[in-house]
Structure formats: C-alpha cells, structure tokens
Amino acid sequence: HMASGDRRPFSSRGEPVRTIATRLTLPPGETLTVL
C-alpha cells in the first residue's frame, strides 16, 4: 500500500522522482491485482 499525491508530503512517494511512482514485486507464478 502506498498513499501519496501532491496533497501529501513528497516523502510519501514510493520512488524519489518527480512523478508519483512506486515499486511492485510480482512473485513467480502469481496473479496480482493492482488497485
């Protein structure tokens, strides 16, 4: 879970870049849903 946005501090972002981004890990053979 990542809660971010430009109404929240920059430190809430998953990646320290100008756009809102976060890192995902997909285990082998699994199906994940990203909301």
Full PDB file with SEQRES, HELIX, SHEET, SSBOND, CRYST1, ORIGX, SCALE, CONECT and MASTER records, all heavy atoms in Angstrom:
SEQRES   1 A   35  HIS MET ALA SER GLY ASP ARG ARG PRO PHE SER SER ARG          
SEQRES   2 A   35  GLY GLU PRO VAL ARG THR ILE ALA THR ARG LEU THR LEU          
SEQRES   3 A   35  PRO PRO GLY GLU THR LEU THR VAL LEU                          
HELIX    1 AA1 PHE A   10  SER A   12  5                                   3    
CRYST1    1.000    1.000    1.000  90.00  90.00  90.00 P 1           1          
ORIGX1      1.000000  0.000000  0.000000        0.00000                         
ORIGX2      0.000000  1.000000  0.000000        0.00000                         
ORIGX3      0.000000  0.000000  1.000000        0.00000                         
SCALE1      1.000000  0.000000  0.000000        0.00000                         
SCALE2      0.000000  1.000000  0.000000        0.00000                         
SCALE3      0.000000  0.000000  1.000000        0.00000                         
ATOM      1  N   HIS A   1       0.849  -1.190   0.000  1.00  0.00           N  
ATOM      2  CA  HIS A   1       0.000   0.000   0.000  1.00  0.00           C  
ATOM      3  C   HIS A   1       0.895   1.254   0.000  1.00  0.00           C  
ATOM      4  O   HIS A   1       1.788   1.386   0.845  1.00  0.00           O  
ATOM      5  CB  HIS A   1      -0.911   0.005   1.224  1.00  0.00           C  
ATOM      6  CG  HIS A   1      -1.851   1.180   1.255  1.00  0.00           C  
ATOM      7  ND1 HIS A   1      -2.550   1.539   2.378  1.00  0.00           N  
ATOM      8  CD2 HIS A   1      -2.212   2.073   0.287  1.00  0.00           C  
ATOM      9  CE1 HIS A   1      -3.304   2.599   2.122  1.00  0.00           C  
ATOM     10  NE2 HIS A   1      -3.098   2.937   0.858  1.00  0.00           N  
ATOM     11  N   MET A   2       0.663   2.138  -0.961  1.00  0.00           N  
ATOM     12  CA  MET A   2       1.339   3.433  -0.988  1.00  0.00           C  
ATOM     13  C   MET A   2       0.271   4.520  -1.029  1.00  0.00           C  
ATOM     14  O   MET A   2      -0.589   4.533  -1.915  1.00  0.00           O  
ATOM     15  CB  MET A   2       2.251   3.578  -2.224  1.00  0.00           C  
ATOM     16  CG  MET A   2       2.971   4.940  -2.258  1.00  0.00           C  
ATOM     17  SD  MET A   2       3.699   5.355  -3.858  1.00  0.00           S  
ATOM     18  CE  MET A   2       2.229   5.741  -4.814  1.00  0.00           C  
ATOM     19  N   ALA A   3       0.298   5.423  -0.053  1.00  0.00           N  
ATOM     20  CA  ALA A   3      -0.609   6.577  -0.019  1.00  0.00           C  
ATOM     21  C   ALA A   3       0.212   7.822  -0.306  1.00  0.00           C  
ATOM     22  O   ALA A   3       1.047   8.226   0.511  1.00  0.00           O  
ATOM     23  CB  ALA A   3      -1.299   6.675   1.342  1.00  0.00           C  
ATOM     24  N   SER A   4       0.015   8.429  -1.465  1.00  0.00           N  
ATOM     25  CA  SER A   4       0.835   9.577  -1.867  1.00  0.00           C  
ATOM     26  C   SER A   4      -0.030  10.577  -2.640  1.00  0.00           C  
ATOM     27  O   SER A   4      -1.263  10.541  -2.587  1.00  0.00           O  
ATOM     28  CB  SER A   4       2.018   9.109  -2.712  1.00  0.00           C  
ATOM     29  OG  SER A   4       2.887  10.183  -2.990  1.00  0.00           O  
ATOM     30  N   GLY A   5       0.613  11.475  -3.348  1.00  0.00           N  
ATOM     31  CA  GLY A   5      -0.067  12.520  -4.098  1.00  0.00           C  
ATOM     32  C   GLY A   5       0.525  13.881  -3.773  1.00  0.00           C  
ATOM     33  O   GLY A   5       1.312  14.035  -2.821  1.00  0.00           O  
ATOM     34  N   ASP A   6       0.161  14.900  -4.560  1.00  0.00           N  
ATOM     35  CA  ASP A   6       0.769  16.212  -4.326  1.00  0.00           C  
ATOM     36  C   ASP A   6       0.059  16.978  -3.215  1.00  0.00           C  
ATOM     37  O   ASP A   6       0.417  18.125  -2.934  1.00  0.00           O  
ATOM     38  CB  ASP A   6       0.814  17.046  -5.616  1.00  0.00           C  
ATOM     39  CG  ASP A   6      -0.532  17.624  -5.989  1.00  0.00           C  
ATOM     40  OD1 ASP A   6      -1.564  17.090  -5.540  1.00  0.00           O  
ATOM     41  OD2 ASP A   6      -0.543  18.612  -6.746  1.00  0.00           O  
ATOM     42  N   ARG A   7      -0.957  16.365  -2.582  1.00  0.00           N  
ATOM     43  CA  ARG A   7      -1.550  16.937  -1.372  1.00  0.00           C  
ATOM     44  C   ARG A   7      -0.944  16.311  -0.123  1.00  0.00           C  
ATOM     45  O   ARG A   7      -1.379  16.594   0.994  1.00  0.00           O  
ATOM     46  CB  ARG A   7      -3.064  16.713  -1.382  1.00  0.00           C  
ATOM     47  CG  ARG A   7      -3.799  17.497  -2.443  1.00  0.00           C  
ATOM     48  CD  ARG A   7      -4.048  18.929  -2.014  1.00  0.00           C  
ATOM     49  NE  ARG A   7      -4.642  19.717  -3.082  1.00  0.00           N  
ATOM     50  CZ  ARG A   7      -4.996  21.005  -2.951  1.00  0.00           C  
ATOM     51  NH1 ARG A   7      -4.814  21.604  -1.790  1.00  0.00           N  
ATOM     52  NH2 ARG A   7      -5.515  21.656  -3.960  1.00  0.00           N  
ATOM     53  N   ARG A   8       0.041  15.454  -0.338  1.00  0.00           N  
ATOM     54  CA  ARG A   8       0.738  14.801   0.758  1.00  0.00           C  
ATOM     55  C   ARG A   8       2.227  15.089   0.623  1.00  0.00           C  
ATOM     56  O   ARG A   8       2.699  15.397  -0.470  1.00  0.00           O  
ATOM     57  CB  ARG A   8       0.470  13.292   0.741  1.00  0.00           C  
ATOM     58  CG  ARG A   8      -0.987  12.935   1.033  1.00  0.00           C  
ATOM     59  CD  ARG A   8      -1.319  11.528   0.663  1.00  0.00           C  
ATOM     60  NE  ARG A   8      -2.699  11.173   1.012  1.00  0.00           N  
ATOM     61  CZ  ARG A   8      -3.316  10.084   0.593  1.00  0.00           C  
ATOM     62  NH1 ARG A   8      -2.682   9.219  -0.194  1.00  0.00           N  
ATOM     63  NH2 ARG A   8      -4.567   9.847   0.966  1.00  0.00           N  
ATOM     64  N   PRO A   9       2.988  14.994   1.688  1.00  0.00           N  
ATOM     65  CA  PRO A   9       4.423  15.299   1.602  1.00  0.00           C  
ATOM     66  C   PRO A   9       5.127  14.438   0.554  1.00  0.00           C  
ATOM     67  O   PRO A   9       4.711  13.300   0.268  1.00  0.00           O  
ATOM     68  CB  PRO A   9       4.933  15.000   3.013  1.00  0.00           C  
ATOM     69  CG  PRO A   9       3.732  15.144   3.887  1.00  0.00           C  
ATOM     70  CD  PRO A   9       2.566  14.675   3.054  1.00  0.00           C  
ATOM     71  N   PHE A  10       6.194  14.976   0.020  1.00  0.00           N  
ATOM     72  CA  PHE A  10       6.922  14.262  -1.032  1.00  0.00           C  
ATOM     73  C   PHE A  10       7.504  12.950  -0.513  1.00  0.00           C  
ATOM     74  O   PHE A  10       7.677  11.984  -1.278  1.00  0.00           O  
ATOM     75  CB  PHE A  10       8.041  15.160  -1.568  1.00  0.00           C  
ATOM     76  CG  PHE A  10       8.780  14.577  -2.737  1.00  0.00           C  
ATOM     77  CD1 PHE A  10       8.272  14.661  -4.020  1.00  0.00           C  
ATOM     78  CD2 PHE A  10       9.995  13.915  -2.549  1.00  0.00           C  
ATOM     79  CE1 PHE A  10       8.948  14.112  -5.098  1.00  0.00           C  
ATOM     80  CE2 PHE A  10      10.678  13.370  -3.627  1.00  0.00           C  
ATOM     81  CZ  PHE A  10      10.141  13.464  -4.908  1.00  0.00           C  
ATOM     82  N   SER A  11       7.804  12.876   0.772  1.00  0.00           N  
ATOM     83  CA  SER A  11       8.399  11.663   1.340  1.00  0.00           C  
ATOM     84  C   SER A  11       7.446  10.470   1.311  1.00  0.00           C  
ATOM     85  O   SER A  11       7.872   9.330   1.534  1.00  0.00           O  
ATOM     86  CB  SER A  11       8.833  11.939   2.782  1.00  0.00           C  
ATOM     87  OG  SER A  11       7.717  12.359   3.562  1.00  0.00           O  
ATOM     88  N   SER A  12       6.153  10.700   1.027  1.00  0.00           N  
ATOM     89  CA  SER A  12       5.190   9.593   0.983  1.00  0.00           C  
ATOM     90  C   SER A  12       5.295   8.795  -0.302  1.00  0.00           C  
ATOM     91  O   SER A  12       4.662   7.744  -0.422  1.00  0.00           O  
ATOM     92  CB  SER A  12       3.765  10.138   1.129  1.00  0.00           C  
ATOM     93  OG  SER A  12       3.422  10.960   0.014  1.00  0.00           O  
ATOM     94  N   ARG A  13       6.065   9.257  -1.261  1.00  0.00           N  
ATOM     95  CA  ARG A  13       6.136   8.582  -2.556  1.00  0.00           C  
ATOM     96  C   ARG A  13       7.036   7.355  -2.463  1.00  0.00           C  
ATOM     97  O   ARG A  13       8.037   7.340  -1.732  1.00  0.00           O  
ATOM     98  CB  ARG A  13       6.641   9.533  -3.632  1.00  0.00           C  
ATOM     99  CG  ARG A  13       5.716  10.736  -3.793  1.00  0.00           C  
ATOM    100  CD  ARG A  13       6.064  11.592  -4.978  1.00  0.00           C  
ATOM    101  NE  ARG A  13       5.128  12.711  -5.083  1.00  0.00           N  
ATOM    102  CZ  ARG A  13       5.148  13.596  -6.065  1.00  0.00           C  
ATOM    103  NH1 ARG A  13       6.049  13.507  -7.035  1.00  0.00           N  
ATOM    104  NH2 ARG A  13       4.258  14.572  -6.083  1.00  0.00           N  
ATOM    105  N   GLY A  14       6.689   6.372  -3.253  1.00  0.00           N  
ATOM    106  CA  GLY A  14       7.473   5.142  -3.248  1.00  0.00           C  
ATOM    107  C   GLY A  14       8.821   5.295  -3.907  1.00  0.00           C  
ATOM    108  O   GLY A  14       9.770   4.585  -3.545  1.00  0.00           O  
ATOM    109  N   GLU A  15       8.930   6.173  -4.872  1.00  0.00           N  
ATOM    110  CA  GLU A  15      10.192   6.413  -5.563  1.00  0.00           C  
ATOM    111  C   GLU A  15      10.510   7.913  -5.486  1.00  0.00           C  
ATOM    112  O   GLU A  15       9.619   8.752  -5.694  1.00  0.00           O  
ATOM    113  CB  GLU A  15      10.107   5.984  -7.030  1.00  0.00           C  
ATOM    114  CG  GLU A  15       9.946   4.493  -7.229  1.00  0.00           C  
ATOM    115  CD  GLU A  15      11.213   3.734  -6.875  1.00  0.00           C  
ATOM    116  OE1 GLU A  15      12.310   4.238  -7.181  1.00  0.00           O  
ATOM    117  OE2 GLU A  15      11.096   2.638  -6.288  1.00  0.00           O  
ATOM    118  N   PRO A  16      11.750   8.303  -5.205  1.00  0.00           N  
ATOM    119  CA  PRO A  16      12.103   9.729  -5.064  1.00  0.00           C  
ATOM    120  C   PRO A  16      12.296  10.407  -6.436  1.00  0.00           C  
ATOM    121  O   PRO A  16      13.400  10.848  -6.782  1.00  0.00           O  
ATOM    122  CB  PRO A  16      13.404   9.678  -4.262  1.00  0.00           C  
ATOM    123  CG  PRO A  16      14.032   8.382  -4.672  1.00  0.00           C  
ATOM    124  CD  PRO A  16      12.891   7.419  -4.887  1.00  0.00           C  
ATOM    125  N   VAL A  17      11.245  10.453  -7.212  1.00  0.00           N  
ATOM    126  CA  VAL A  17      11.291  11.080  -8.525  1.00  0.00           C  
ATOM    127  C   VAL A  17      10.168  12.115  -8.602  1.00  0.00           C  
ATOM    128  O   VAL A  17       9.295  12.186  -7.728  1.00  0.00           O  
ATOM    129  CB  VAL A  17      11.137  10.033  -9.653  1.00  0.00           C  
ATOM    130  CG1 VAL A  17      12.333   9.098  -9.688  1.00  0.00           C  
ATOM    131  CG2 VAL A  17       9.846   9.239  -9.474  1.00  0.00           C  
ATOM    132  N   ARG A  18      10.171  12.900  -9.672  1.00  0.00           N  
ATOM    133  CA  ARG A  18       9.210  13.994  -9.777  1.00  0.00           C  
ATOM    134  C   ARG A  18       7.779  13.504  -9.936  1.00  0.00           C  
ATOM    135  O   ARG A  18       6.840  14.152  -9.482  1.00  0.00           O  
ATOM    136  CB  ARG A  18       9.589  14.911 -10.947  1.00  0.00           C  
ATOM    137  CG  ARG A  18       9.432  14.252 -12.308  1.00  0.00           C  
ATOM    138  CD  ARG A  18       9.659  15.222 -13.442  1.00  0.00           C  
ATOM    139  NE  ARG A  18       9.303  14.609 -14.718  1.00  0.00           N  
ATOM    140  CZ  ARG A  18       8.092  14.626 -15.242  1.00  0.00           C  
ATOM    141  NH1 ARG A  18       7.101  15.213 -14.603  1.00  0.00           N  
ATOM    142  NH2 ARG A  18       7.849  14.053 -16.406  1.00  0.00           N  
ATOM    143  N   THR A  19       7.577  12.358 -10.612  1.00  0.00           N  
ATOM    144  CA  THR A  19       6.234  11.803 -10.783  1.00  0.00           C  
ATOM    145  C   THR A  19       5.922  10.855  -9.643  1.00  0.00           C  
ATOM    146  O   THR A  19       6.795  10.433  -8.890  1.00  0.00           O  
ATOM    147  CB  THR A  19       6.124  11.063 -12.124  1.00  0.00           C  
ATOM    148  OG1 THR A  19       7.129  10.049 -12.179  1.00  0.00           O  
ATOM    149  CG2 THR A  19       6.302  12.023 -13.290  1.00  0.00           C  
ATOM    150  N   ILE A  20       4.645  10.523  -9.536  1.00  0.00           N  
ATOM    151  CA  ILE A  20       4.219   9.598  -8.480  1.00  0.00           C  
ATOM    152  C   ILE A  20       4.458   8.169  -8.964  1.00  0.00           C  
ATOM    153  O   ILE A  20       3.902   7.748  -9.994  1.00  0.00           O  
ATOM    154  CB  ILE A  20       2.735   9.814  -8.145  1.00  0.00           C  
ATOM    155  CG1 ILE A  20       2.517  11.262  -7.675  1.00  0.00           C  
ATOM    156  CG2 ILE A  20       2.277   8.829  -7.083  1.00  0.00           C  
ATOM    157  CD1 ILE A  20       1.068  11.623  -7.504  1.00  0.00           C  
ATOM    158  N   ALA A  21       5.299   7.444  -8.278  1.00  0.00           N  
ATOM    159  CA  ALA A  21       5.670   6.082  -8.694  1.00  0.00           C  
ATOM    160  C   ALA A  21       5.950   5.241  -7.455  1.00  0.00           C  
ATOM    161  O   ALA A  21       6.304   5.757  -6.391  1.00  0.00           O  
ATOM    162  CB  ALA A  21       6.893   6.112  -9.616  1.00  0.00           C  
ATOM    163  N   THR A  22       5.783   3.935  -7.619  1.00  0.00           N  
ATOM    164  CA  THR A  22       6.080   3.002  -6.533  1.00  0.00           C  
ATOM    165  C   THR A  22       6.587   1.695  -7.129  1.00  0.00           C  
ATOM    166  O   THR A  22       6.312   1.370  -8.289  1.00  0.00           O  
ATOM    167  CB  THR A  22       4.830   2.756  -5.668  1.00  0.00           C  
ATOM    168  OG1 THR A  22       5.205   1.973  -4.535  1.00  0.00           O  
ATOM    169  CG2 THR A  22       3.748   2.024  -6.445  1.00  0.00           C  
ATOM    170  N   ARG A  23       7.298   0.940  -6.336  1.00  0.00           N  
ATOM    171  CA  ARG A  23       7.906  -0.311  -6.809  1.00  0.00           C  
ATOM    172  C   ARG A  23       7.008  -1.495  -6.450  1.00  0.00           C  
ATOM    173  O   ARG A  23       6.481  -1.558  -5.327  1.00  0.00           O  
ATOM    174  CB  ARG A  23       9.297  -0.485  -6.205  1.00  0.00           C  
ATOM    175  CG  ARG A  23      10.141  -1.586  -6.830  1.00  0.00           C  
ATOM    176  CD  ARG A  23      11.563  -1.458  -6.321  1.00  0.00           C  
ATOM    177  NE  ARG A  23      12.179  -0.208  -6.744  1.00  0.00           N  
ATOM    178  CZ  ARG A  23      13.215  -0.125  -7.587  1.00  0.00           C  
ATOM    179  NH1 ARG A  23      13.722  -1.235  -8.090  1.00  0.00           N  
ATOM    180  NH2 ARG A  23      13.714   1.048  -7.902  1.00  0.00           N  
ATOM    181  N   LEU A  24       6.807  -2.410  -7.422  1.00  0.00           N  
ATOM    182  CA  LEU A  24       5.990  -3.611  -7.231  1.00  0.00           C  
ATOM    183  C   LEU A  24       6.866  -4.859  -7.370  1.00  0.00           C  
ATOM    184  O   LEU A  24       7.791  -4.871  -8.199  1.00  0.00           O  
ATOM    185  CB  LEU A  24       4.863  -3.672  -8.268  1.00  0.00           C  
ATOM    186  CG  LEU A  24       3.941  -2.449  -8.395  1.00  0.00           C  
ATOM    187  CD1 LEU A  24       2.926  -2.682  -9.502  1.00  0.00           C  
ATOM    188  CD2 LEU A  24       3.245  -2.164  -7.075  1.00  0.00           C  
ATOM    189  N   THR A  25       6.540  -5.869  -6.567  1.00  0.00           N  
ATOM    190  CA  THR A  25       7.224  -7.171  -6.671  1.00  0.00           C  
ATOM    191  C   THR A  25       6.186  -8.237  -6.979  1.00  0.00           C  
ATOM    192  O   THR A  25       5.232  -8.435  -6.207  1.00  0.00           O  
ATOM    193  CB  THR A  25       7.960  -7.508  -5.375  1.00  0.00           C  
ATOM    194  OG1 THR A  25       8.902  -6.482  -5.081  1.00  0.00           O  
ATOM    195  CG2 THR A  25       8.675  -8.846  -5.498  1.00  0.00           C  
ATOM    196  N   LEU A  26       6.359  -8.929  -8.115  1.00  0.00           N  
ATOM    197  CA  LEU A  26       5.432  -9.975  -8.539  1.00  0.00           C  
ATOM    198  C   LEU A  26       6.101 -11.340  -8.294  1.00  0.00           C  
ATOM    199  O   LEU A  26       7.080 -11.684  -8.965  1.00  0.00           O  
ATOM    200  CB  LEU A  26       5.074  -9.827 -10.016  1.00  0.00           C  
ATOM    201  CG  LEU A  26       4.049  -8.738 -10.375  1.00  0.00           C  
ATOM    202  CD1 LEU A  26       4.683  -7.343 -10.286  1.00  0.00           C  
ATOM    203  CD2 LEU A  26       3.528  -8.944 -11.800  1.00  0.00           C  
ATOM    204  N   PRO A  27       5.599 -12.116  -7.340  1.00  0.00           N  
ATOM    205  CA  PRO A  27       6.181 -13.446  -7.090  1.00  0.00           C  
ATOM    206  C   PRO A  27       5.996 -14.352  -8.308  1.00  0.00           C  
ATOM    207  O   PRO A  27       5.095 -14.145  -9.126  1.00  0.00           O  
ATOM    208  CB  PRO A  27       5.385 -13.958  -5.882  1.00  0.00           C  
ATOM    209  CG  PRO A  27       4.805 -12.728  -5.247  1.00  0.00           C  
ATOM    210  CD  PRO A  27       4.553 -11.789  -6.376  1.00  0.00           C  
ATOM    211  N   PRO A  28       6.813 -15.383  -8.457  1.00  0.00           N  
ATOM    212  CA  PRO A  28       6.708 -16.262  -9.624  1.00  0.00           C  
ATOM    213  C   PRO A  28       5.400 -17.030  -9.631  1.00  0.00           C  
ATOM    214  O   PRO A  28       4.946 -17.528  -8.600  1.00  0.00           O  
ATOM    215  CB  PRO A  28       7.920 -17.181  -9.477  1.00  0.00           C  
ATOM    216  CG  PRO A  28       8.288 -17.131  -8.033  1.00  0.00           C  
ATOM    217  CD  PRO A  28       7.925 -15.761  -7.562  1.00  0.00           C  
ATOM    218  N   GLY A  29       4.764 -17.044 -10.788  1.00  0.00           N  
ATOM    219  CA  GLY A  29       3.564 -17.837 -10.994  1.00  0.00           C  
ATOM    220  C   GLY A  29       2.319 -17.248 -10.379  1.00  0.00           C  
ATOM    221  O   GLY A  29       1.273 -17.901 -10.399  1.00  0.00           O  
ATOM    222  N   GLU A  30       2.369 -16.058  -9.828  1.00  0.00           N  
ATOM    223  CA  GLU A  30       1.206 -15.490  -9.169  1.00  0.00           C  
ATOM    224  C   GLU A  30       0.539 -14.411 -10.020  1.00  0.00           C  
ATOM    225  O   GLU A  30       1.170 -13.788 -10.875  1.00  0.00           O  
ATOM    226  CB  GLU A  30       1.585 -14.897  -7.807  1.00  0.00           C  
ATOM    227  CG  GLU A  30       1.851 -15.954  -6.741  1.00  0.00           C  
ATOM    228  CD  GLU A  30       1.874 -15.342  -5.354  1.00  0.00           C  
ATOM    229  OE1 GLU A  30       1.552 -14.132  -5.232  1.00  0.00           O  
ATOM    230  OE2 GLU A  30       2.198 -16.056  -4.400  1.00  0.00           O  
ATOM    231  N   THR A  31      -0.741 -14.200  -9.698  1.00  0.00           N  
ATOM    232  CA  THR A  31      -1.521 -13.144 -10.334  1.00  0.00           C  
ATOM    233  C   THR A  31      -1.911 -12.128  -9.260  1.00  0.00           C  
ATOM    234  O   THR A  31      -2.543 -12.496  -8.254  1.00  0.00           O  
ATOM    235  CB  THR A  31      -2.785 -13.708 -11.002  1.00  0.00           C  
ATOM    236  OG1 THR A  31      -2.399 -14.649 -12.009  1.00  0.00           O  
ATOM    237  CG2 THR A  31      -3.598 -12.592 -11.629  1.00  0.00           C  
ATOM    238  N   LEU A  32      -1.524 -10.903  -9.467  1.00  0.00           N  
ATOM    239  CA  LEU A  32      -1.795  -9.833  -8.513  1.00  0.00           C  
ATOM    240  C   LEU A  32      -2.744  -8.801  -9.126  1.00  0.00           C  
ATOM    241  O   LEU A  32      -2.723  -8.561 -10.338  1.00  0.00           O  
ATOM    242  CB  LEU A  32      -0.507  -9.137  -8.076  1.00  0.00           C  
ATOM    243  CG  LEU A  32       0.575 -10.018  -7.418  1.00  0.00           C  
ATOM    244  CD1 LEU A  32       1.769  -9.169  -7.046  1.00  0.00           C  
ATOM    245  CD2 LEU A  32       0.022 -10.740  -6.199  1.00  0.00           C  
ATOM    246  N   THR A  33      -3.562  -8.209  -8.290  1.00  0.00           N  
ATOM    247  CA  THR A  33      -4.462  -7.135  -8.721  1.00  0.00           C  
ATOM    248  C   THR A  33      -3.945  -5.812  -8.145  1.00  0.00           C  
ATOM    249  O   THR A  33      -3.727  -5.702  -6.930  1.00  0.00           O  
ATOM    250  CB  THR A  33      -5.898  -7.383  -8.233  1.00  0.00           C  
ATOM    251  OG1 THR A  33      -6.362  -8.626  -8.784  1.00  0.00           O  
ATOM    252  CG2 THR A  33      -6.812  -6.249  -8.665  1.00  0.00           C  
ATOM    253  N   VAL A  34      -3.753  -4.841  -9.019  1.00  0.00           N  
ATOM    254  CA  VAL A  34      -3.274  -3.509  -8.599  1.00  0.00           C  
ATOM    255  C   VAL A  34      -4.454  -2.545  -8.664  1.00  0.00           C  
ATOM    256  O   VAL A  34      -5.033  -2.325  -9.729  1.00  0.00           O  
ATOM    257  CB  VAL A  34      -2.128  -3.006  -9.495  1.00  0.00           C  
ATOM    258  CG1 VAL A  34      -1.675  -1.629  -9.033  1.00  0.00           C  
ATOM    259  CG2 VAL A  34      -0.966  -3.988  -9.460  1.00  0.00           C  
ATOM    260  N   LEU A  35      -4.823  -2.034  -7.496  1.00  0.00           N  
ATOM    261  CA  LEU A  35      -5.902  -1.043  -7.400  1.00  0.00           C  
ATOM    262  C   LEU A  35      -5.291   0.335  -7.145  1.00  0.00           C  
ATOM    263  O   LEU A  35      -4.297   0.465  -6.405  1.00  0.00           O  
ATOM    264  CB  LEU A  35      -6.851  -1.391  -6.252  1.00  0.00           C  
ATOM    265  CG  LEU A  35      -7.656  -2.691  -6.363  1.00  0.00           C  
ATOM    266  CD1 LEU A  35      -8.463  -2.907  -5.084  1.00  0.00           C  
ATOM    267  CD2 LEU A  35      -8.573  -2.660  -7.568  1.00  0.00           C  
TER     268      LEU A  35                                                      
MASTER        0    0    0    1    0    0    0    6  267    1    0    3          
END                                                                             
